[in-house]
Amino acid sequence: MRIGFLGLGAIGRPIAGHLARAHQLRVWNRTAERASAFAGQTGAEAVATPGEAGRDAEVVFTCLPNSPEVEEVLAGHRR
């Protein structure tokens, strides 16, 4: 399955790690270095924007701190 994953914090990183074992995973994080490091460790693809993570994905997960941040990311106000 092709999965987009937004948010690699304390909760998101372990969840994404499990998903990366069995699925094609594109990851985005506000801190690009965190996404790149995760990709290097798991084989996931780090992308520069939330839109890239969701492109062609069958499922998109968000694991962000709160509802306003989810709204900002989905509305394209946060890179």
PDB file of N, CA and C in Angstrom:
ATOM      1  N   MET A   1       0.835  -1.168   0.000  1.00  0.00           N
ATOM      2  CA  MET A   1       0.000   0.000   0.000  1.00  0.00           C
ATOM      3  C   MET A   1       0.885   1.237   0.000  1.00  0.00           C
ATOM      4  N   ARG A   2       0.470   2.263  -0.706  1.00  0.00           N
ATOM      5  CA  ARG A   2       1.193   3.536  -0.737  1.00  0.00           C
ATOM      6  C   ARG A   2       0.624   4.454   0.348  1.00  0.00           C
ATOM      7  N   ILE A   3       1.493   4.849   1.287  1.00  0.00           N
ATOM      8  CA  ILE A   3       1.055   5.632   2.435  1.00  0.00           C
ATOM      9  C   ILE A   3       1.850   6.924   2.525  1.00  0.00           C
ATOM     10  N   GLY A   4       1.143   8.014   2.789  1.00  0.00           N
ATOM     11  CA  GLY A   4       1.767   9.287   3.134  1.00  0.00           C
ATOM     12  C   GLY A   4       1.662   9.464   4.638  1.00  0.00           C
ATOM     13  N   PHE A   5       2.715   9.966   5.257  1.00  0.00           N
ATOM     14  CA  PHE A   5       2.713  10.119   6.712  1.00  0.00           C
ATOM     15  C   PHE A   5       3.247  11.498   7.063  1.00  0.00           C
ATOM     16  N   LEU A   6       2.467  12.263   7.796  1.00  0.00           N
ATOM     17  CA  LEU A   6       2.827  13.629   8.177  1.00  0.00           C
ATOM     18  C   LEU A   6       3.040  13.701   9.682  1.00  0.00           C
ATOM     19  N   GLY A   7       4.253  13.956  10.103  1.00  0.00           N
ATOM     20  CA  GLY A   7       4.548  14.128  11.513  1.00  0.00           C
ATOM     21  C   GLY A   7       5.317  12.970  12.112  1.00  0.00           C
ATOM     22  N   LEU A   8       6.598  13.202  12.379  1.00  0.00           N
ATOM     23  CA  LEU A   8       7.469  12.147  12.906  1.00  0.00           C
ATOM     24  C   LEU A   8       7.965  12.487  14.307  1.00  0.00           C
ATOM     25  N   GLY A   9       7.044  12.919  15.149  1.00  0.00           N
ATOM     26  CA  GLY A   9       7.402  13.234  16.529  1.00  0.00           C
ATOM     27  C   GLY A   9       7.451  11.998  17.396  1.00  0.00           C
ATOM     28  N   ALA A  10       7.280  12.205  18.689  1.00  0.00           N
ATOM     29  CA  ALA A  10       7.390  11.123  19.670  1.00  0.00           C
ATOM     30  C   ALA A  10       6.397   9.990  19.417  1.00  0.00           C
ATOM     31  N   ILE A  11       5.224  10.311  18.917  1.00  0.00           N
ATOM     32  CA  ILE A  11       4.223   9.287  18.635  1.00  0.00           C
ATOM     33  C   ILE A  11       4.278   8.853  17.174  1.00  0.00           C
ATOM     34  N   GLY A  12       4.438   9.804  16.270  1.00  0.00           N
ATOM     35  CA  GLY A  12       4.409   9.501  14.840  1.00  0.00           C
ATOM     36  C   GLY A  12       5.556   8.634  14.359  1.00  0.00           C
ATOM     37  N   ARG A  13       6.743   8.873  14.883  1.00  0.00           N
ATOM     38  CA  ARG A  13       7.909   8.123  14.405  1.00  0.00           C
ATOM     39  C   ARG A  13       7.759   6.614  14.614  1.00  0.00           C
ATOM     40  N   PRO A  14       7.366   6.150  15.808  1.00  0.00           N
ATOM     41  CA  PRO A  14       7.198   4.700  15.971  1.00  0.00           C
ATOM     42  C   PRO A  14       6.093   4.119  15.079  1.00  0.00           C
ATOM     43  N   ILE A  15       5.006   4.855  14.938  1.00  0.00           N
ATOM     44  CA  ILE A  15       3.923   4.369  14.076  1.00  0.00           C
ATOM     45  C   ILE A  15       4.422   4.254  12.640  1.00  0.00           C
ATOM     46  N   ALA A  16       5.077   5.298  12.156  1.00  0.00           N
ATOM     47  CA  ALA A  16       5.602   5.285  10.791  1.00  0.00           C
ATOM     48  C   ALA A  16       6.636   4.181  10.616  1.00  0.00           C
ATOM     49  N   GLY A  17       7.420   3.921  11.642  1.00  0.00           N
ATOM     50  CA  GLY A  17       8.405   2.849  11.569  1.00  0.00           C
ATOM     51  C   GLY A  17       7.760   1.490  11.324  1.00  0.00           C
ATOM     52  N   HIS A  18       6.670   1.241  11.998  1.00  0.00           N
ATOM     53  CA  HIS A  18       5.941  -0.020  11.780  1.00  0.00           C
ATOM     54  C   HIS A  18       5.388  -0.080  10.358  1.00  0.00           C
ATOM     55  N   LEU A  19       4.820   1.023   9.891  1.00  0.00           N
ATOM     56  CA  LEU A  19       4.245   1.058   8.542  1.00  0.00           C
ATOM     57  C   LEU A  19       5.315   0.872   7.466  1.00  0.00           C
ATOM     58  N   ALA A  20       6.498   1.437   7.700  1.00  0.00           N
ATOM     59  CA  ALA A  20       7.575   1.355   6.704  1.00  0.00           C
ATOM     60  C   ALA A  20       8.039  -0.078   6.470  1.00  0.00           C
ATOM     61  N   ARG A  21       7.824  -0.945   7.421  1.00  0.00           N
ATOM     62  CA  ARG A  21       8.253  -2.342   7.280  1.00  0.00           C
ATOM     63  C   ARG A  21       7.460  -3.088   6.216  1.00  0.00           C
ATOM     64  N   ALA A  22       6.206  -2.669   5.996  1.00  0.00           N
ATOM     65  CA  ALA A  22       5.333  -3.449   5.116  1.00  0.00           C
ATOM     66  C   ALA A  22       4.724  -2.653   3.963  1.00  0.00           C
ATOM     67  N   HIS A  23       5.010  -1.345   3.902  1.00  0.00           N
ATOM     68  CA  HIS A  23       4.349  -0.509   2.903  1.00  0.00           C
ATOM     69  C   HIS A  23       5.322   0.484   2.279  1.00  0.00           C
ATOM     70  N   GLN A  24       4.917   1.026   1.136  1.00  0.00           N
ATOM     71  CA  GLN A  24       5.654   2.127   0.522  1.00  0.00           C
ATOM     72  C   GLN A  24       5.265   3.379   1.289  1.00  0.00           C
ATOM     73  N   LEU A  25       6.224   4.041   1.892  1.00  0.00           N
ATOM     74  CA  LEU A  25       5.929   5.145   2.790  1.00  0.00           C
ATOM     75  C   LEU A  25       6.660   6.403   2.347  1.00  0.00           C
ATOM     76  N   ARG A  26       5.894   7.489   2.216  1.00  0.00           N
ATOM     77  CA  ARG A  26       6.470   8.825   2.011  1.00  0.00           C
ATOM     78  C   ARG A  26       6.224   9.598   3.294  1.00  0.00           C
ATOM     79  N   VAL A  27       7.262  10.248   3.801  1.00  0.00           N
ATOM     80  CA  VAL A  27       7.139  10.959   5.064  1.00  0.00           C
ATOM     81  C   VAL A  27       7.491  12.431   4.922  1.00  0.00           C
ATOM     82  N   TRP A  28       6.775  13.237   5.673  1.00  0.00           N
ATOM     83  CA  TRP A  28       7.050  14.674   5.774  1.00  0.00           C
ATOM     84  C   TRP A  28       7.065  15.038   7.242  1.00  0.00           C
ATOM     85  N   ASN A  29       7.961  15.931   7.599  1.00  0.00           N
ATOM     86  CA  ASN A  29       8.025  16.465   8.950  1.00  0.00           C
ATOM     87  C   ASN A  29       8.403  17.928   8.854  1.00  0.00           C
ATOM     88  N   ARG A  30       7.927  18.735   9.809  1.00  0.00           N
ATOM     89  CA  ARG A  30       8.282  20.165   9.796  1.00  0.00           C
ATOM     90  C   ARG A  30       9.783  20.359   9.803  1.00  0.00           C
ATOM     91  N   THR A  31      10.491  19.476  10.482  1.00  0.00           N
ATOM     92  CA  THR A  31      11.949  19.501  10.475  1.00  0.00           C
ATOM     93  C   THR A  31      12.414  18.497   9.425  1.00  0.00           C
ATOM     94  N   ALA A  32      12.864  19.004   8.298  1.00  0.00           N
ATOM     95  CA  ALA A  32      13.218  18.147   7.163  1.00  0.00           C
ATOM     96  C   ALA A  32      14.305  17.136   7.522  1.00  0.00           C
ATOM     97  N   GLU A  33      15.235  17.532   8.379  1.00  0.00           N
ATOM     98  CA  GLU A  33      16.318  16.630   8.761  1.00  0.00           C
ATOM     99  C   GLU A  33      15.780  15.380   9.448  1.00  0.00           C
ATOM    100  N   ARG A  34      14.715  15.530  10.212  1.00  0.00           N
ATOM    101  CA  ARG A  34      14.125  14.380  10.898  1.00  0.00           C
ATOM    102  C   ARG A  34      13.537  13.403   9.882  1.00  0.00           C
ATOM    103  N   ALA A  35      12.870  13.929   8.855  1.00  0.00           N
ATOM    104  CA  ALA A  35      12.305  13.069   7.811  1.00  0.00           C
ATOM    105  C   ALA A  35      13.424  12.373   7.033  1.00  0.00           C
ATOM    106  N   SER A  36      14.477  13.100   6.727  1.00  0.00           N
ATOM    107  CA  SER A  36      15.601  12.507   5.992  1.00  0.00           C
ATOM    108  C   SER A  36      16.274  11.405   6.799  1.00  0.00           C
ATOM    109  N   ALA A  37      16.478  11.647   8.076  1.00  0.00           N
ATOM    110  CA  ALA A  37      17.105  10.630   8.927  1.00  0.00           C
ATOM    111  C   ALA A  37      16.217   9.393   9.019  1.00  0.00           C
ATOM    112  N   PHE A  38      14.917   9.600   9.186  1.00  0.00           N
ATOM    113  CA  PHE A  38      13.979   8.481   9.244  1.00  0.00           C
ATOM    114  C   PHE A  38      14.030   7.685   7.950  1.00  0.00           C
ATOM    115  N   ALA A  39      14.027   8.379   6.822  1.00  0.00           N
ATOM    116  CA  ALA A  39      14.075   7.702   5.522  1.00  0.00           C
ATOM    117  C   ALA A  39      15.351   6.875   5.390  1.00  0.00           C
ATOM    118  N   GLY A  40      16.470   7.426   5.826  1.00  0.00           N
ATOM    119  CA  GLY A  40      17.729   6.698   5.755  1.00  0.00           C
ATOM    120  C   GLY A  40      17.740   5.436   6.602  1.00  0.00           C
ATOM    121  N   GLN A  41      17.009   5.450   7.686  1.00  0.00           N
ATOM    122  CA  GLN A  41      16.975   4.304   8.593  1.00  0.00           C
ATOM    123  C   GLN A  41      15.957   3.251   8.188  1.00  0.00           C
ATOM    124  N   THR A  42      14.921   3.658   7.450  1.00  0.00           N
ATOM    125  CA  THR A  42      13.801   2.739   7.201  1.00  0.00           C
ATOM    126  C   THR A  42      13.547   2.408   5.738  1.00  0.00           C
ATOM    127  N   GLY A  43      14.131   3.175   4.831  1.00  0.00           N
ATOM    128  CA  GLY A  43      13.840   2.971   3.419  1.00  0.00           C
ATOM    129  C   GLY A  43      12.628   3.741   2.929  1.00  0.00           C
ATOM    130  N   ALA A  44      12.002   4.505   3.823  1.00  0.00           N
ATOM    131  CA  ALA A  44      10.896   5.378   3.414  1.00  0.00           C
ATOM    132  C   ALA A  44      11.457   6.489   2.533  1.00  0.00           C
ATOM    133  N   GLU A  45      10.574   7.225   1.885  1.00  0.00           N
ATOM    134  CA  GLU A  45      10.978   8.365   1.063  1.00  0.00           C
ATOM    135  C   GLU A  45      10.637   9.643   1.803  1.00  0.00           C
ATOM    136  N   ALA A  46      11.628  10.485   2.074  1.00  0.00           N
ATOM    137  CA  ALA A  46      11.396  11.792   2.683  1.00  0.00           C
ATOM    138  C   ALA A  46      11.024  12.778   1.582  1.00  0.00           C
ATOM    139  N   VAL A  47       9.993  13.585   1.838  1.00  0.00           N
ATOM    140  CA  VAL A  47       9.546  14.574   0.859  1.00  0.00           C
ATOM    141  C   VAL A  47       9.519  15.951   1.500  1.00  0.00           C
ATOM    142  N   ALA A  48       9.506  16.996   0.661  1.00  0.00           N
ATOM    143  CA  ALA A  48       9.628  18.371   1.136  1.00  0.00           C
ATOM    144  C   ALA A  48       8.315  19.012   1.564  1.00  0.00           C
ATOM    145  N   THR A  49       7.190  18.484   1.103  1.00  0.00           N
ATOM    146  CA  THR A  49       5.909  19.111   1.430  1.00  0.00           C
ATOM    147  C   THR A  49       4.862  18.056   1.798  1.00  0.00           C
ATOM    148  N   PRO A  50       3.858  18.444   2.548  1.00  0.00           N
ATOM    149  CA  PRO A  50       2.766  17.510   2.839  1.00  0.00           C
ATOM    150  C   PRO A  50       2.068  17.029   1.565  1.00  0.00           C
ATOM    151  N   GLY A  51       1.932  17.911   0.589  1.00  0.00           N
ATOM    152  CA  GLY A  51       1.305  17.523  -0.672  1.00  0.00           C
ATOM    153  C   GLY A  51       2.048  16.411  -1.377  1.00  0.00           C
ATOM    154  N   GLU A  52       3.374  16.464  -1.335  1.00  0.00           N
ATOM    155  CA  GLU A  52       4.171  15.396  -1.944  1.00  0.00           C
ATOM    156  C   GLU A  52       3.961  14.072  -1.216  1.00  0.00           C
ATOM    157  N   ALA A  53       3.807  14.131   0.094  1.00  0.00           N
ATOM    158  CA  ALA A  53       3.583  12.898   0.855  1.00  0.00           C
ATOM    159  C   ALA A  53       2.261  12.256   0.458  1.00  0.00           C
ATOM    160  N   GLY A  54       1.272  13.073   0.179  1.00  0.00           N
ATOM    161  CA  GLY A  54      -0.042  12.554  -0.158  1.00  0.00           C
ATOM    162  C   GLY A  54      -0.255  12.204  -1.613  1.00  0.00           C
ATOM    163  N   ARG A  55       0.621  12.682  -2.476  1.00  0.00           N
ATOM    164  CA  ARG A  55       0.454  12.429  -3.910  1.00  0.00           C
ATOM    165  C   ARG A  55       0.480  10.930  -4.198  1.00  0.00           C
ATOM    166  N   ASP A  56      -0.553  10.448  -4.841  1.00  0.00           N
ATOM    167  CA  ASP A  56      -0.691   9.037  -5.220  1.00  0.00           C
ATOM    168  C   ASP A  56      -0.795   8.078  -4.030  1.00  0.00           C
ATOM    169  N   ALA A  57      -0.970   8.607  -2.824  1.00  0.00           N
ATOM    170  CA  ALA A  57      -1.100   7.734  -1.656  1.00  0.00           C
ATOM    171  C   ALA A  57      -2.510   7.160  -1.588  1.00  0.00           C
ATOM    172  N   GLU A  58      -2.596   5.942  -1.121  1.00  0.00           N
ATOM    173  CA  GLU A  58      -3.897   5.325  -0.882  1.00  0.00           C
ATOM    174  C   GLU A  58      -4.458   5.765   0.471  1.00  0.00           C
ATOM    175  N   VAL A  59      -3.562   6.066   1.398  1.00  0.00           N
ATOM    176  CA  VAL A  59      -3.925   6.516   2.732  1.00  0.00           C
ATOM    177  C   VAL A  59      -2.919   7.578   3.148  1.00  0.00           C
ATOM    178  N   VAL A  60      -3.399   8.611   3.848  1.00  0.00           N
ATOM    179  CA  VAL A  60      -2.505   9.613   4.428  1.00  0.00           C
ATOM    180  C   VAL A  60      -2.787   9.686   5.926  1.00  0.00           C
ATOM    181  N   PHE A  61      -1.745   9.528   6.719  1.00  0.00           N
ATOM    182  CA  PHE A  61      -1.845   9.641   8.170  1.00  0.00           C
ATOM    183  C   PHE A  61      -1.311  11.006   8.582  1.00  0.00           C
ATOM    184  N   THR A  62      -1.957  11.628   9.549  1.00  0.00           N
ATOM    185  CA  THR A  62      -1.392  12.814  10.185  1.00  0.00           C
ATOM    186  C   THR A  62      -1.168  12.485  11.649  1.00  0.00           C
ATOM    187  N   CYS A  63      -0.019  12.838  12.138  1.00  0.00           N
ATOM    188  CA  CYS A  63       0.292  12.655  13.549  1.00  0.00           C
ATOM    189  C   CYS A  63       0.943  13.963  14.004  1.00  0.00           C
ATOM    190  N   LEU A  64       0.083  14.959  14.137  1.00  0.00           N
ATOM    191  CA  LEU A  64       0.520  16.313  14.469  1.00  0.00           C
ATOM    192  C   LEU A  64      -0.002  16.675  15.859  1.00  0.00           C
ATOM    193  N   PRO A  65       0.596  17.693  16.498  1.00  0.00           N
ATOM    194  CA  PRO A  65       0.280  17.980  17.897  1.00  0.00           C
ATOM    195  C   PRO A  65      -1.179  18.336  18.210  1.00  0.00           C
ATOM    196  N   ASN A  66      -1.846  19.073  17.317  1.00  0.00           N
ATOM    197  CA  ASN A  66      -3.194  19.508  17.651  1.00  0.00           C
ATOM    198  C   ASN A  66      -4.000  19.833  16.395  1.00  0.00           C
ATOM    199  N   SER A  67      -5.280  20.033  16.570  1.00  0.00           N
ATOM    200  CA  SER A  67      -6.169  20.278  15.426  1.00  0.00           C
ATOM    201  C   SER A  67      -5.787  21.514  14.623  1.00  0.00           C
ATOM    202  N   PRO A  68      -5.428  22.648  15.256  1.00  0.00           N
ATOM    203  CA  PRO A  68      -5.027  23.805  14.440  1.00  0.00           C
ATOM    204  C   PRO A  68      -3.829  23.504  13.528  1.00  0.00           C
ATOM    205  N   GLU A  69      -2.884  22.714  14.003  1.00  0.00           N
ATOM    206  CA  GLU A  69      -1.732  22.366  13.156  1.00  0.00           C
ATOM    207  C   GLU A  69      -2.160  21.476  11.999  1.00  0.00           C
ATOM    208  N   VAL A  70      -3.073  20.544  12.236  1.00  0.00           N
ATOM    209  CA  VAL A  70      -3.589  19.700  11.156  1.00  0.00           C
ATOM    210  C   VAL A  70      -4.258  20.594  10.111  1.00  0.00           C
ATOM    211  N   GLU A  71      -5.086  21.527  10.550  1.00  0.00           N
ATOM    212  CA  GLU A  71      -5.765  22.430   9.627  1.00  0.00           C
ATOM    213  C   GLU A  71      -4.770  23.263   8.829  1.00  0.00           C
ATOM    214  N   GLU A  72      -3.725  23.780   9.487  1.00  0.00           N
ATOM    215  CA  GLU A  72      -2.707  24.569   8.785  1.00  0.00           C
ATOM    216  C   GLU A  72      -2.004  23.758   7.708  1.00  0.00           C
ATOM    217  N   VAL A  73      -1.614  22.544   8.048  1.00  0.00           N
ATOM    218  CA  VAL A  73      -0.899  21.689   7.099  1.00  0.00           C
ATOM    219  C   VAL A  73      -1.798  21.339   5.925  1.00  0.00           C
ATOM    220  N   LEU A  74      -3.028  20.928   6.198  1.00  0.00           N
ATOM    221  CA  LEU A  74      -3.922  20.516   5.127  1.00  0.00           C
ATOM    222  C   LEU A  74      -4.344  21.695   4.240  1.00  0.00           C
ATOM    223  N   ALA A  75      -4.365  22.898   4.808  1.00  0.00           N
ATOM    224  CA  ALA A  75      -4.718  24.079   4.022  1.00  0.00           C
ATOM    225  C   ALA A  75      -3.518  24.632   3.247  1.00  0.00           C
ATOM    226  N   GLY A  76      -2.338  24.069   3.495  1.00  0.00           N
ATOM    227  CA  GLY A  76      -1.148  24.494   2.765  1.00  0.00           C
ATOM    228  C   GLY A  76      -0.454  25.709   3.350  1.00  0.00           C
ATOM    229  N   HIS A  77      -0.758  26.051   4.590  1.00  0.00           N
ATOM    230  CA  HIS A  77      -0.137  27.224   5.215  1.00  0.00           C
ATOM    231  C   HIS A  77       1.176  26.913   5.909  1.00  0.00           C
ATOM    232  N   ARG A  78       1.511  25.661   5.979  1.00  0.00           N
ATOM    233  CA  ARG A  78       2.739  25.265   6.656  1.00  0.00           C
ATOM    234  C   ARG A  78       3.525  24.384   5.710  1.00  0.00           C
ATOM    235  N   ARG A  79       4.764  24.626   5.601  1.00  0.00           N
ATOM    236  CA  ARG A  79       5.630  23.866   4.717  1.00  0.00           C
ATOM    237  C   ARG A  79       6.145  22.636   5.394  1.00  0.00           C
TER     238      ARG A  79
END
